[in-house]
C-alpha atoms as a PDB file:
ATOM      1  CA  MET A   1       0.205   0.127  -0.023  1.00  0.00           C
ATOM      2  CA  GLN A   2       2.983   2.374  -0.984  1.00  0.00           C
ATOM      3  CA  LYS A   3       0.885   3.742  -4.002  1.00  0.00           C
ATOM      4  CA  ASP A   4      -0.608   7.136  -3.947  1.00  0.00           C
ATOM      5  CA  GLY A   5      -4.190   6.653  -2.184  1.00  0.00           C
ATOM      6  CA  GLN A   6      -3.438   3.353  -2.251  1.00  0.00           C
ATOM      7  CA  ARG A   7      -3.103   3.694   2.451  1.00  0.00           C
ATOM      8  CA  GLU A   8      -5.860   5.725   2.501  1.00  0.00           C
ATOM      9  CA  LEU A   9      -8.378   3.376   0.454  1.00  0.00           C
ATOM     10  CA  LEU A  10      -7.419   0.924   2.593  1.00  0.00           C
ATOM     11  CA  GLU A  11      -8.253   2.781   5.761  1.00  0.00           C
ATOM     12  CA  ALA A  12     -12.018   4.160   4.046  1.00  0.00           C
ATOM     13  CA  VAL A  13     -12.078  -0.234   3.383  1.00  0.00           C
ATOM     14  CA  CYS A  14     -11.269  -1.190   7.113  1.00  0.00           C
ATOM     15  CA  GLU A  15     -13.400   1.980   8.653  1.00  0.00           C
ATOM     16  CA  ARG A  16     -16.563   0.558   6.561  1.00  0.00           C
ATOM     17  CA  PHE A  17     -15.948  -2.747   7.874  1.00  0.00           C
ATOM     18  CA  ARG A  18     -15.861  -1.324  11.411  1.00  0.00           C
ATOM     19  CA  SER A  19     -18.868   0.821  10.639  1.00  0.00           C
ATOM     20  CA  GLY A  20     -20.773  -2.924  10.016  1.00  0.00           C
ATOM     21  CA  GLU A  21     -20.920  -2.764   6.037  1.00  0.00           C
ATOM     22  CA  GLY A  22     -19.030  -5.732   5.475  1.00  0.00           C
ATOM     23  CA  VAL A  23     -21.451  -8.836   4.817  1.00  0.00           C
ATOM     24  CA  PRO A  24     -19.376 -12.263   6.030  1.00  0.00           C
ATOM     25  CA  CYS A  25     -19.455 -15.267   2.890  1.00  0.00           C
ATOM     26  CA  ARG A  26     -17.764 -17.951   2.468  1.00  0.00           C
ATOM     27  CA  PHE A  27     -15.899 -18.605  -0.540  1.00  0.00           C
ATOM     28  CA  PHE A  28     -14.702 -22.556  -1.105  1.00  0.00           C
ATOM     29  CA  SER A  29     -13.685 -23.215   2.895  1.00  0.00           C
ATOM     30  CA  MET A  30     -12.772 -20.109   3.503  1.00  0.00           C
ATOM     31  CA  ASP A  31     -15.321 -17.322   5.905  1.00  0.00           C
ATOM     32  CA  ASN A  32     -14.230 -14.321   4.876  1.00  0.00           C
ATOM     33  CA  LEU A  33     -16.023 -10.133   5.220  1.00  0.00           C
ATOM     34  CA  TYR A  34     -16.446  -8.557   1.520  1.00  0.00           C
ATOM     35  CA  LEU A  35     -17.954  -4.861   0.910  1.00  0.00           C
ATOM     36  CA  PHE A  36     -19.840  -4.301  -1.748  1.00  0.00           C
ATOM     37  CA  VAL A  37     -19.470  -0.627  -3.075  1.00  0.00           C
ATOM     38  CA  GLY A  38     -20.907   0.288  -7.135  1.00  0.00           C
ATOM     39  CA  GLU A  39     -19.765  -3.054  -9.541  1.00  0.00           C
ATOM     40  CA  TYR A  40     -17.126  -4.899  -6.833  1.00  0.00           C
ATOM     41  CA  LYS A  41     -16.343  -6.338  -4.042  1.00  0.00           C
ATOM     42  CA  TYR A  42     -13.652  -5.800  -1.945  1.00  0.00           C
ATOM     43  CA  TRP A  43     -11.898  -8.074   0.805  1.00  0.00           C
ATOM     44  CA  LEU A  44      -8.673  -8.761   3.576  1.00  0.00           C
ATOM     45  CA  MET A  45      -6.842 -11.499   3.818  1.00  0.00           C
ATOM     46  CA  THR A  46      -5.981 -10.356   7.191  1.00  0.00           C
ATOM     47  CA  HIS A  47      -9.220  -9.380   9.705  1.00  0.00           C
ATOM     48  CA  TYR A  48      -9.498  -5.014   8.933  1.00  0.00           C
ATOM     49  CA  ASP A  49      -8.612  -4.742  13.287  1.00  0.00           C
ATOM     50  CA  GLU A  50      -5.514  -6.694  12.760  1.00  0.00           C
ATOM     51  CA  VAL A  51      -3.836  -4.944   9.589  1.00  0.00           C
ATOM     52  CA  ASP A  52      -0.418  -3.967  10.400  1.00  0.00           C
ATOM     53  CA  TRP A  53       0.517  -0.971   8.140  1.00  0.00           C
ATOM     54  CA  ALA A  54       3.923  -1.519   8.482  1.00  0.00           C
ATOM     55  CA  ASP A  55       4.232  -4.372   6.796  1.00  0.00           C
ATOM     56  CA  GLU A  56       3.024  -4.780   2.808  1.00  0.00           C
ATOM     57  CA  VAL A  57      -1.250  -5.564   2.611  1.00  0.00           C
ATOM     58  CA  VAL A  58      -3.257  -6.449   0.093  1.00  0.00           C
ATOM     59  CA  LEU A  59      -6.648  -4.904  -0.330  1.00  0.00           C
ATOM     60  CA  ASN A  60      -7.995  -7.275  -2.546  1.00  0.00           C
ATOM     61  CA  ARG A  61     -11.394  -5.767  -5.578  1.00  0.00           C
ATOM     62  CA  ALA A  62     -13.477  -8.420  -7.880  1.00  0.00           C
ATOM     63  CA  ARG A  63     -16.046  -7.209 -10.555  1.00  0.00           C
ATOM     64  CA  LEU A  64     -19.316  -8.739  -8.948  1.00  0.00           C
ATOM     65  CA  TYR A  65     -20.868 -11.376 -11.804  1.00  0.00           C
ATOM     66  CA  ARG A  66     -23.516 -12.014 -10.807  1.00  0.00           C
ATOM     67  CA  ASP A  67     -25.466 -10.679  -7.377  1.00  0.00           C
ATOM     68  CA  ARG A  68     -24.112 -10.205  -3.444  1.00  0.00           C
ATOM     69  CA  ARG A  69     -25.439 -13.483  -2.416  1.00  0.00           C
ATOM     70  CA  ASP A  70     -23.782 -15.877  -5.476  1.00  0.00           C
ATOM     71  CA  PHE A  71     -20.803 -16.941  -3.174  1.00  0.00           C
ATOM     72  CA  ILE A  72     -21.855 -20.784  -4.691  1.00  0.00           C
ATOM     73  CA  ILE A  73     -18.807 -22.317  -7.314  1.00  0.00           C
ATOM     74  CA  GLN A  74     -20.210 -24.241  -9.440  1.00  0.00           C
ATOM     75  CA  ASP A  75     -18.735 -26.336 -11.537  1.00  0.00           C
ATOM     76  CA  GLY A  76     -17.704 -24.664 -15.274  1.00  0.00           C
ATOM     77  CA  ASP A  77     -17.780 -20.944 -13.586  1.00  0.00           C
ATOM     78  CA  THR A  78     -14.361 -19.083 -14.153  1.00  0.00           C
ATOM     79  CA  GLY A  79     -15.436 -15.536 -12.472  1.00  0.00           C
ATOM     80  CA  MET A  80     -16.135 -13.999 -15.174  1.00  0.00           C
ATOM     81  CA  ARG A  81     -19.974 -12.863 -16.213  1.00  0.00           C
ATOM     82  CA  GLU A  82     -20.332 -14.313 -19.673  1.00  0.00           C
ATOM     83  CA  ASP A  83     -19.179 -17.665 -18.342  1.00  0.00           C
ATOM     84  CA  TYR A  84     -21.823 -18.096 -15.631  1.00  0.00           C
ATOM     85  CA  PRO A  85     -23.131 -21.828 -15.602  1.00  0.00           C
ATOM     86  CA  GLY A  86     -26.260 -21.007 -14.689  1.00  0.00           C
ATOM     87  CA  PRO A  87     -28.923 -20.189 -11.741  1.00  0.00           C
ATOM     88  CA  PRO A  88     -27.028 -20.486  -8.240  1.00  0.00           C
ATOM     89  CA  LEU A  89     -27.640 -24.039  -6.614  1.00  0.00           C
ATOM     90  CA  ALA A  90     -29.515 -24.100  -3.561  1.00  0.00           C
ATOM     91  CA  SER A  91     -27.281 -24.465  -0.534  1.00  0.00           C
END
């Protein structure tokens, strides 16, 4: 997070997590907290209250290709909107 504006972005995302805007979801076997803003979802691999600002921190971002509830991975799913195999199966 050494590039211009990146630390401010990470701090803003962490603050939104602290204020309760994060949505708990499961991706494969990993539970995580996601923030949905516009057409993107954001997440950290470290808990937002455990971020060590002296270390390299990665803020992950991915475009939404279905909707916020869709964290069910199906055969043939590449993560691209046009490759989604069909409606998610009920879990």
